[in-house]
Amino acid sequence: KRLGAQVIALSSSDEKLRYCRENGADYGINYKEKDYVKEVMEITAGKGVDISFNSVAGHTLRKDPKVIKPFGLLVVYGEAAGRDVIDPFEEMIHKGLTVKFSSIYSRMGTESYRKATDYLENWLKTEELDNVSKVFRLEDAAQAHQWFEDGRAYGKIVLEP
């Protein structure tokens, strides 16, 4: 808030939300009474938030990613609601490690995606593929997928028209 950010506070009680507003929160949402994903998305005009600080963990870790913008940040610094969702990450949390998930779908439509696809398209036209482990006909794409899923690929798999 001191850096000029808008703050959306989530809490399990109206009393705690009053405290948050008294200490600078612009919005307060009681997540036990309202769908906070819907509320946050309305507040942010469908864009989501840049960063989420979560001291609750538990069930909220399943919803928080839905309100964070692509390339946003989720900081988990407590587990007041329990560890049911964070157990697989326990070792990372206690070490303070940073985990970053990424997906090609979150990059589509960006300038970096366009540059990467332009580079790949040019490379495919001008360079040979190294380490081709198997070539399949395009109509055998399902077999190629199965071959990959079976862990048999050790290099590139090529689908030819």
N, C-alpha and C. Protein backbone atom coordinates (compact mmCIF):
# COMPACT_ATOMS: atom_id res chain seq x y z
N LYS A 1 0.83 -1.19 0.00
CA LYS A 1 0.00 0.00 0.00
C LYS A 1 0.88 1.25 0.00
N ARG A 2 1.96 1.20 0.74
CA ARG A 2 2.87 2.35 0.83
C ARG A 2 3.55 2.66 -0.50
N LEU A 3 3.57 1.67 -1.40
CA LEU A 3 4.18 1.87 -2.72
C LEU A 3 3.16 2.27 -3.77
N GLY A 4 1.91 2.51 -3.33
CA GLY A 4 0.88 2.96 -4.25
C GLY A 4 -0.02 1.87 -4.80
N ALA A 5 0.14 0.65 -4.35
CA ALA A 5 -0.69 -0.45 -4.85
C ALA A 5 -2.07 -0.42 -4.22
N GLN A 6 -3.05 -0.90 -4.99
CA GLN A 6 -4.37 -1.12 -4.40
C GLN A 6 -4.31 -2.44 -3.66
N VAL A 7 -4.93 -2.50 -2.49
CA VAL A 7 -4.88 -3.69 -1.66
C VAL A 7 -6.28 -4.27 -1.51
N ILE A 8 -6.37 -5.57 -1.81
CA ILE A 8 -7.61 -6.31 -1.61
C ILE A 8 -7.33 -7.31 -0.49
N ALA A 9 -8.01 -7.14 0.63
CA ALA A 9 -7.79 -8.02 1.77
C ALA A 9 -8.86 -9.11 1.79
N LEU A 10 -8.43 -10.32 2.10
CA LEU A 10 -9.35 -11.44 2.29
C LEU A 10 -9.25 -11.88 3.73
N SER A 11 -10.39 -12.20 4.30
CA SER A 11 -10.39 -12.71 5.67
C SER A 11 -11.62 -13.56 5.90
N SER A 12 -11.59 -14.27 7.01
CA SER A 12 -12.70 -15.16 7.36
C SER A 12 -13.75 -14.48 8.22
N SER A 13 -13.54 -13.21 8.57
CA SER A 13 -14.54 -12.51 9.41
C SER A 13 -14.59 -11.03 9.07
N ASP A 14 -15.76 -10.44 9.30
CA ASP A 14 -15.92 -9.01 9.05
C ASP A 14 -15.07 -8.19 10.02
N GLU A 15 -14.88 -8.70 11.22
CA GLU A 15 -14.06 -8.01 12.22
C GLU A 15 -12.61 -7.87 11.72
N LYS A 16 -12.08 -8.93 11.17
CA LYS A 16 -10.71 -8.88 10.64
C LYS A 16 -10.63 -7.95 9.43
N LEU A 17 -11.70 -7.93 8.62
CA LEU A 17 -11.72 -7.04 7.46
C LEU A 17 -11.75 -5.58 7.87
N ARG A 18 -12.48 -5.27 8.94
CA ARG A 18 -12.47 -3.89 9.45
C ARG A 18 -11.05 -3.48 9.83
N TYR A 19 -10.35 -4.39 10.49
CA TYR A 19 -8.96 -4.14 10.87
C TYR A 19 -8.11 -3.87 9.62
N CYS A 20 -8.31 -4.68 8.59
CA CYS A 20 -7.55 -4.50 7.35
C CYS A 20 -7.83 -3.14 6.72
N ARG A 21 -9.11 -2.74 6.67
CA ARG A 21 -9.46 -1.44 6.09
C ARG A 21 -8.88 -0.29 6.91
N GLU A 22 -8.92 -0.43 8.23
CA GLU A 22 -8.34 0.60 9.09
C GLU A 22 -6.84 0.74 8.87
N ASN A 23 -6.23 -0.31 8.35
CA ASN A 23 -4.79 -0.30 8.11
C ASN A 23 -4.42 -0.17 6.63
N GLY A 24 -5.39 0.33 5.83
CA GLY A 24 -5.06 0.71 4.46
C GLY A 24 -5.64 -0.12 3.34
N ALA A 25 -6.29 -1.23 3.61
CA ALA A 25 -6.86 -2.03 2.53
C ALA A 25 -7.94 -1.22 1.81
N ASP A 26 -7.93 -1.30 0.49
CA ASP A 26 -8.93 -0.60 -0.32
C ASP A 26 -10.23 -1.39 -0.39
N TYR A 27 -10.12 -2.71 -0.36
CA TYR A 27 -11.28 -3.60 -0.45
C TYR A 27 -11.13 -4.70 0.58
N GLY A 28 -12.26 -5.24 1.01
CA GLY A 28 -12.24 -6.37 1.93
C GLY A 28 -13.26 -7.40 1.51
N ILE A 29 -12.86 -8.65 1.47
CA ILE A 29 -13.75 -9.73 1.06
C ILE A 29 -13.73 -10.83 2.13
N ASN A 30 -14.90 -11.17 2.62
CA ASN A 30 -15.02 -12.28 3.56
C ASN A 30 -15.14 -13.55 2.73
N TYR A 31 -14.08 -14.33 2.68
CA TYR A 31 -14.07 -15.50 1.79
C TYR A 31 -14.95 -16.64 2.29
N LYS A 32 -15.45 -16.54 3.52
CA LYS A 32 -16.41 -17.55 4.00
C LYS A 32 -17.83 -17.24 3.54
N GLU A 33 -18.07 -15.98 3.18
CA GLU A 33 -19.41 -15.56 2.77
C GLU A 33 -19.54 -15.30 1.27
N LYS A 34 -18.43 -15.00 0.60
CA LYS A 34 -18.49 -14.65 -0.82
C LYS A 34 -17.46 -15.44 -1.60
N ASP A 35 -17.72 -15.59 -2.89
CA ASP A 35 -16.78 -16.22 -3.81
C ASP A 35 -15.68 -15.19 -4.09
N TYR A 36 -14.55 -15.34 -3.43
CA TYR A 36 -13.54 -14.29 -3.57
C TYR A 36 -12.92 -14.24 -4.96
N VAL A 37 -12.93 -15.33 -5.69
CA VAL A 37 -12.42 -15.28 -7.06
C VAL A 37 -13.28 -14.33 -7.88
N LYS A 38 -14.58 -14.50 -7.79
CA LYS A 38 -15.51 -13.64 -8.53
C LYS A 38 -15.35 -12.18 -8.09
N GLU A 39 -15.28 -11.95 -6.80
CA GLU A 39 -15.16 -10.59 -6.26
C GLU A 39 -13.86 -9.90 -6.72
N VAL A 40 -12.75 -10.62 -6.63
CA VAL A 40 -11.46 -10.04 -7.04
C VAL A 40 -11.47 -9.73 -8.53
N MET A 41 -12.01 -10.63 -9.32
CA MET A 41 -12.04 -10.40 -10.76
C MET A 41 -12.94 -9.21 -11.11
N GLU A 42 -14.00 -9.00 -10.35
CA GLU A 42 -14.84 -7.82 -10.56
C GLU A 42 -14.08 -6.55 -10.19
N ILE A 43 -13.40 -6.56 -9.06
CA ILE A 43 -12.64 -5.40 -8.61
C ILE A 43 -11.56 -5.02 -9.62
N THR A 44 -10.94 -6.03 -10.21
CA THR A 44 -9.82 -5.78 -11.14
C THR A 44 -10.26 -5.75 -12.60
N ALA A 45 -11.55 -5.64 -12.83
CA ALA A 45 -12.11 -5.60 -14.19
C ALA A 45 -11.66 -6.80 -15.03
N GLY A 46 -11.61 -7.96 -14.39
CA GLY A 46 -11.28 -9.20 -15.08
C GLY A 46 -9.80 -9.45 -15.31
N LYS A 47 -8.96 -8.55 -14.84
CA LYS A 47 -7.51 -8.68 -15.09
C LYS A 47 -6.80 -9.54 -14.06
N GLY A 48 -7.26 -9.55 -12.84
CA GLY A 48 -6.57 -10.25 -11.77
C GLY A 48 -5.53 -9.37 -11.10
N VAL A 49 -4.87 -9.92 -10.11
CA VAL A 49 -3.89 -9.17 -9.32
C VAL A 49 -2.47 -9.52 -9.75
N ASP A 50 -1.57 -8.61 -9.48
CA ASP A 50 -0.16 -8.84 -9.80
C ASP A 50 0.49 -9.80 -8.81
N ILE A 51 0.09 -9.70 -7.55
CA ILE A 51 0.72 -10.49 -6.50
C ILE A 51 -0.30 -10.85 -5.44
N SER A 52 -0.18 -12.06 -4.92
CA SER A 52 -1.03 -12.50 -3.82
C SER A 52 -0.13 -12.95 -2.68
N PHE A 53 -0.33 -12.35 -1.51
CA PHE A 53 0.37 -12.77 -0.31
C PHE A 53 -0.60 -13.65 0.48
N ASN A 54 -0.24 -14.88 0.73
CA ASN A 54 -1.15 -15.83 1.35
C ASN A 54 -0.55 -16.38 2.63
N SER A 55 -1.15 -16.05 3.75
CA SER A 55 -0.70 -16.58 5.04
C SER A 55 -1.59 -17.71 5.52
N VAL A 56 -2.60 -18.06 4.73
CA VAL A 56 -3.60 -19.03 5.14
C VAL A 56 -3.28 -20.43 4.61
N ALA A 57 -2.90 -20.53 3.34
CA ALA A 57 -2.64 -21.80 2.65
C ALA A 57 -3.91 -22.63 2.60
N GLY A 58 -3.82 -23.91 2.91
CA GLY A 58 -4.99 -24.77 2.88
C GLY A 58 -5.78 -24.63 1.59
N HIS A 59 -7.09 -24.55 1.74
CA HIS A 59 -8.01 -24.50 0.60
C HIS A 59 -7.80 -23.28 -0.31
N THR A 60 -7.26 -22.20 0.22
CA THR A 60 -7.10 -20.99 -0.60
C THR A 60 -6.06 -21.17 -1.70
N LEU A 61 -5.14 -22.10 -1.53
CA LEU A 61 -4.12 -22.31 -2.56
C LEU A 61 -4.71 -22.89 -3.84
N ARG A 62 -5.88 -23.47 -3.75
CA ARG A 62 -6.54 -23.98 -4.95
C ARG A 62 -7.20 -22.85 -5.75
N LYS A 63 -7.57 -21.77 -5.07
CA LYS A 63 -8.27 -20.67 -5.74
C LYS A 63 -7.35 -19.50 -6.11
N ASP A 64 -6.32 -19.27 -5.34
CA ASP A 64 -5.47 -18.10 -5.57
C ASP A 64 -4.96 -17.97 -7.01
N PRO A 65 -4.49 -19.05 -7.64
CA PRO A 65 -4.00 -18.88 -9.01
C PRO A 65 -5.06 -18.33 -9.97
N LYS A 66 -6.33 -18.50 -9.66
CA LYS A 66 -7.39 -18.02 -10.53
C LYS A 66 -7.51 -16.49 -10.52
N VAL A 67 -6.96 -15.84 -9.50
CA VAL A 67 -7.08 -14.38 -9.40
C VAL A 67 -5.78 -13.65 -9.70
N ILE A 68 -4.74 -14.39 -10.07
CA ILE A 68 -3.43 -13.79 -10.33
C ILE A 68 -3.22 -13.67 -11.84
N LYS A 69 -2.74 -12.51 -12.27
CA LYS A 69 -2.45 -12.26 -13.69
C LYS A 69 -1.38 -13.24 -14.17
N PRO A 70 -1.34 -13.49 -15.49
CA PRO A 70 -0.22 -14.26 -16.03
C PRO A 70 1.10 -13.60 -15.66
N PHE A 71 2.06 -14.39 -15.30
CA PHE A 71 3.38 -13.96 -14.86
C PHE A 71 3.33 -13.23 -13.52
N GLY A 72 2.22 -13.39 -12.80
CA GLY A 72 2.10 -12.80 -11.49
C GLY A 72 2.86 -13.61 -10.45
N LEU A 73 2.67 -13.26 -9.20
CA LEU A 73 3.43 -13.88 -8.12
C LEU A 73 2.50 -14.30 -6.99
N LEU A 74 2.69 -15.49 -6.50
CA LEU A 74 1.98 -15.99 -5.31
C LEU A 74 3.02 -16.23 -4.24
N VAL A 75 2.89 -15.53 -3.12
CA VAL A 75 3.79 -15.69 -2.00
C VAL A 75 3.02 -16.36 -0.87
N VAL A 76 3.44 -17.54 -0.47
CA VAL A 76 2.81 -18.27 0.63
C VAL A 76 3.76 -18.18 1.81
N TYR A 77 3.29 -17.58 2.90
CA TYR A 77 4.16 -17.39 4.06
C TYR A 77 3.54 -17.85 5.36
N GLY A 78 2.58 -18.72 5.27
CA GLY A 78 1.96 -19.28 6.47
C GLY A 78 1.02 -20.39 6.08
N GLU A 79 0.47 -21.05 7.08
CA GLU A 79 -0.43 -22.17 6.81
C GLU A 79 -1.53 -22.24 7.86
N ALA A 80 -2.16 -21.09 8.12
CA ALA A 80 -3.19 -21.00 9.15
C ALA A 80 -4.38 -21.92 8.90
N ALA A 81 -4.69 -22.20 7.63
CA ALA A 81 -5.83 -23.06 7.30
C ALA A 81 -5.42 -24.52 7.14
N GLY A 82 -4.19 -24.81 7.39
CA GLY A 82 -3.74 -26.19 7.29
C GLY A 82 -2.83 -26.44 6.12
N ARG A 83 -2.39 -27.70 6.05
CA ARG A 83 -1.38 -28.07 5.08
C ARG A 83 -1.89 -29.01 4.01
N ASP A 84 -3.18 -29.24 3.94
CA ASP A 84 -3.69 -30.25 3.02
C ASP A 84 -3.26 -30.04 1.58
N VAL A 85 -3.10 -28.82 1.16
CA VAL A 85 -2.71 -28.56 -0.23
C VAL A 85 -1.20 -28.40 -0.35
N ILE A 86 -0.53 -28.00 0.71
CA ILE A 86 0.90 -27.69 0.57
C ILE A 86 1.82 -28.85 0.92
N ASP A 87 1.31 -29.96 1.38
CA ASP A 87 2.18 -31.06 1.75
C ASP A 87 3.24 -31.40 0.71
N PRO A 88 2.88 -31.49 -0.58
CA PRO A 88 3.92 -31.81 -1.57
C PRO A 88 5.00 -30.74 -1.66
N PHE A 89 4.70 -29.52 -1.23
CA PHE A 89 5.64 -28.42 -1.33
C PHE A 89 6.31 -28.09 -0.01
N GLU A 90 6.06 -28.89 1.02
CA GLU A 90 6.55 -28.57 2.37
C GLU A 90 8.04 -28.30 2.40
N GLU A 91 8.81 -29.15 1.77
CA GLU A 91 10.26 -28.97 1.79
C GLU A 91 10.66 -27.65 1.16
N MET A 92 9.99 -27.27 0.07
CA MET A 92 10.31 -26.01 -0.60
C MET A 92 9.91 -24.82 0.26
N ILE A 93 8.74 -24.89 0.89
CA ILE A 93 8.25 -23.77 1.69
C ILE A 93 9.18 -23.48 2.85
N HIS A 94 9.61 -24.51 3.53
CA HIS A 94 10.47 -24.30 4.70
C HIS A 94 11.88 -23.87 4.32
N LYS A 95 12.23 -24.04 3.07
CA LYS A 95 13.52 -23.56 2.59
C LYS A 95 13.40 -22.19 1.92
N GLY A 96 12.16 -21.71 1.75
CA GLY A 96 11.96 -20.42 1.11
C GLY A 96 12.27 -20.43 -0.37
N LEU A 97 12.15 -21.58 -1.01
CA LEU A 97 12.45 -21.68 -2.43
C LEU A 97 11.39 -21.00 -3.27
N THR A 98 11.78 -20.58 -4.43
CA THR A 98 10.86 -19.99 -5.39
C THR A 98 10.50 -21.04 -6.42
N VAL A 99 9.22 -21.21 -6.66
CA VAL A 99 8.75 -22.15 -7.68
C VAL A 99 8.02 -21.33 -8.72
N LYS A 100 8.39 -21.51 -9.96
CA LYS A 100 7.73 -20.78 -11.03
C LYS A 100 7.21 -21.78 -12.04
N PHE A 101 5.90 -21.76 -12.24
CA PHE A 101 5.28 -22.61 -13.24
C PHE A 101 5.11 -21.77 -14.49
N SER A 102 5.22 -22.40 -15.62
CA SER A 102 5.04 -21.68 -16.86
C SER A 102 4.33 -22.59 -17.85
N SER A 103 3.66 -21.99 -18.79
CA SER A 103 2.94 -22.73 -19.81
C SER A 103 2.98 -21.94 -21.11
N ILE A 104 3.05 -22.65 -22.19
CA ILE A 104 3.05 -22.00 -23.50
C ILE A 104 1.77 -21.19 -23.68
N TYR A 105 0.68 -21.65 -23.08
CA TYR A 105 -0.60 -20.96 -23.24
C TYR A 105 -0.59 -19.57 -22.59
N SER A 106 0.18 -19.39 -21.54
CA SER A 106 0.23 -18.07 -20.90
C SER A 106 1.06 -17.08 -21.72
N ARG A 107 1.84 -17.58 -22.65
CA ARG A 107 2.69 -16.71 -23.46
C ARG A 107 2.10 -16.36 -24.82
N MET A 108 1.07 -17.09 -25.24
CA MET A 108 0.48 -16.83 -26.56
C MET A 108 0.00 -15.39 -26.67
N GLY A 109 0.27 -14.80 -27.81
CA GLY A 109 -0.17 -13.43 -28.04
C GLY A 109 0.81 -12.37 -27.58
N THR A 110 1.92 -12.79 -26.94
CA THR A 110 2.90 -11.82 -26.47
C THR A 110 3.98 -11.62 -27.53
N GLU A 111 4.72 -10.55 -27.41
CA GLU A 111 5.82 -10.28 -28.34
C GLU A 111 6.89 -11.37 -28.25
N SER A 112 7.19 -11.83 -27.05
CA SER A 112 8.21 -12.87 -26.91
C SER A 112 7.75 -14.17 -27.58
N TYR A 113 6.48 -14.47 -27.54
CA TYR A 113 5.95 -15.67 -28.21
C TYR A 113 6.10 -15.53 -29.72
N ARG A 114 5.75 -14.36 -30.25
CA ARG A 114 5.88 -14.12 -31.68
C ARG A 114 7.32 -14.28 -32.13
N LYS A 115 8.27 -13.71 -31.37
CA LYS A 115 9.68 -13.83 -31.73
C LYS A 115 10.13 -15.28 -31.70
N ALA A 116 9.71 -16.01 -30.70
CA ALA A 116 10.10 -17.41 -30.58
C ALA A 116 9.54 -18.25 -31.72
N THR A 117 8.29 -18.03 -32.08
CA THR A 117 7.69 -18.82 -33.16
C THR A 117 8.30 -18.43 -34.52
N ASP A 118 8.62 -17.15 -34.69
CA ASP A 118 9.30 -16.74 -35.93
C ASP A 118 10.67 -17.42 -36.03
N TYR A 119 11.39 -17.44 -34.92
CA TYR A 119 12.72 -18.08 -34.91
C TYR A 119 12.58 -19.57 -35.22
N LEU A 120 11.63 -20.24 -34.57
CA LEU A 120 11.42 -21.67 -34.77
C LEU A 120 11.04 -21.97 -36.22
N GLU A 121 10.14 -21.18 -36.76
CA GLU A 121 9.71 -21.39 -38.14
C GLU A 121 10.89 -21.25 -39.10
N ASN A 122 11.70 -20.24 -38.92
CA ASN A 122 12.88 -20.04 -39.75
C ASN A 122 13.87 -21.19 -39.57
N TRP A 123 14.10 -21.60 -38.35
CA TRP A 123 15.03 -22.68 -38.07
C TRP A 123 14.58 -23.98 -38.73
N LEU A 124 13.28 -24.27 -38.63
CA LEU A 124 12.76 -25.50 -39.24
C LEU A 124 12.92 -25.50 -40.75
N LYS A 125 12.89 -24.33 -41.36
CA LYS A 125 13.05 -24.23 -42.81
C LYS A 125 14.52 -24.34 -43.25
N THR A 126 15.45 -23.98 -42.37
CA THR A 126 16.84 -23.86 -42.78
C THR A 126 17.79 -24.85 -42.12
N GLU A 127 17.39 -25.52 -41.08
CA GLU A 127 18.30 -26.41 -40.34
C GLU A 127 17.78 -27.84 -40.35
N GLU A 128 18.69 -28.79 -40.16
CA GLU A 128 18.30 -30.18 -40.02
C GLU A 128 18.07 -30.49 -38.54
N LEU A 129 17.18 -31.41 -38.28
CA LEU A 129 16.94 -31.84 -36.91
C LEU A 129 18.03 -32.80 -36.48
N ASP A 130 18.62 -32.56 -35.33
CA ASP A 130 19.60 -33.48 -34.75
C ASP A 130 18.88 -34.48 -33.87
N ASN A 131 19.46 -35.64 -33.73
CA ASN A 131 18.98 -36.65 -32.78
C ASN A 131 17.54 -37.07 -33.01
N VAL A 132 17.18 -37.37 -34.23
CA VAL A 132 15.84 -37.88 -34.51
C VAL A 132 15.81 -39.34 -34.08
N SER A 133 14.94 -39.67 -33.14
CA SER A 133 14.88 -41.05 -32.67
C SER A 133 13.83 -41.87 -33.39
N LYS A 134 12.82 -41.20 -33.95
CA LYS A 134 11.76 -41.95 -34.63
C LYS A 134 11.00 -41.01 -35.55
N VAL A 135 10.64 -41.51 -36.72
CA VAL A 135 9.83 -40.76 -37.67
C VAL A 135 8.52 -41.50 -37.87
N PHE A 136 7.41 -40.76 -37.74
CA PHE A 136 6.08 -41.32 -37.95
C PHE A 136 5.40 -40.56 -39.07
N ARG A 137 4.50 -41.23 -39.77
CA ARG A 137 3.65 -40.53 -40.74
C ARG A 137 2.62 -39.72 -39.94
N LEU A 138 2.18 -38.62 -40.50
CA LEU A 138 1.22 -37.75 -39.81
C LEU A 138 -0.03 -38.50 -39.39
N GLU A 139 -0.50 -39.40 -40.24
CA GLU A 139 -1.70 -40.16 -39.88
C GLU A 139 -1.46 -41.13 -38.73
N ASP A 140 -0.20 -41.33 -38.35
CA ASP A 140 0.14 -42.19 -37.22
C ASP A 140 0.49 -41.38 -35.97
N ALA A 141 -0.03 -40.16 -35.90
CA ALA A 141 0.28 -39.27 -34.78
C ALA A 141 -0.08 -39.90 -33.44
N ALA A 142 -1.17 -40.64 -33.37
CA ALA A 142 -1.57 -41.28 -32.11
C ALA A 142 -0.49 -42.27 -31.66
N GLN A 143 0.09 -43.01 -32.60
CA GLN A 143 1.17 -43.94 -32.26
C GLN A 143 2.40 -43.18 -31.76
N ALA A 144 2.67 -42.05 -32.40
CA ALA A 144 3.81 -41.23 -31.98
C ALA A 144 3.61 -40.74 -30.54
N HIS A 145 2.41 -40.31 -30.24
CA HIS A 145 2.12 -39.87 -28.86
C HIS A 145 2.30 -41.02 -27.88
N GLN A 146 1.81 -42.20 -28.25
CA GLN A 146 1.94 -43.35 -27.37
C GLN A 146 3.40 -43.73 -27.17
N TRP A 147 4.17 -43.65 -28.24
CA TRP A 147 5.59 -43.96 -28.18
C TRP A 147 6.28 -43.02 -27.19
N PHE A 148 5.90 -41.74 -27.26
CA PHE A 148 6.45 -40.74 -26.34
C PHE A 148 6.01 -41.02 -24.91
N GLU A 149 4.71 -41.25 -24.71
CA GLU A 149 4.17 -41.50 -23.37
C GLU A 149 4.75 -42.76 -22.74
N ASP A 150 5.12 -43.73 -23.56
CA ASP A 150 5.73 -44.96 -23.05
C ASP A 150 7.18 -44.75 -22.64
N GLY A 151 7.69 -43.54 -22.86
CA GLY A 151 9.06 -43.23 -22.46
C GLY A 151 10.10 -43.80 -23.40
N ARG A 152 9.73 -44.08 -24.63
CA ARG A 152 10.66 -44.68 -25.57
C ARG A 152 11.47 -43.65 -26.35
N ALA A 153 11.06 -42.39 -26.30
CA ALA A 153 11.76 -41.33 -27.05
C ALA A 153 13.06 -40.97 -26.33
N TYR A 154 14.12 -40.81 -27.09
CA TYR A 154 15.40 -40.39 -26.54
C TYR A 154 15.95 -39.21 -27.31
N GLY A 155 15.24 -38.81 -28.33
CA GLY A 155 15.60 -37.65 -29.15
C GLY A 155 14.31 -37.05 -29.69
N LYS A 156 14.40 -36.49 -30.85
CA LYS A 156 13.22 -35.86 -31.43
C LYS A 156 12.33 -36.89 -32.12
N ILE A 157 11.04 -36.63 -32.08
CA ILE A 157 10.06 -37.44 -32.78
C ILE A 157 9.54 -36.57 -33.91
N VAL A 158 9.54 -37.10 -35.11
CA VAL A 158 9.14 -36.33 -36.29
C VAL A 158 7.85 -36.91 -36.87
N LEU A 159 6.90 -36.02 -37.18
CA LEU A 159 5.70 -36.39 -37.91
C LEU A 159 5.84 -35.85 -39.33
N GLU A 160 5.80 -36.75 -40.30
CA GLU A 160 5.93 -36.33 -41.70
C GLU A 160 4.57 -36.41 -42.39
N PRO A 161 4.27 -35.44 -43.26
CA PRO A 161 3.00 -35.48 -44.00
C PRO A 161 2.99 -36.64 -44.99
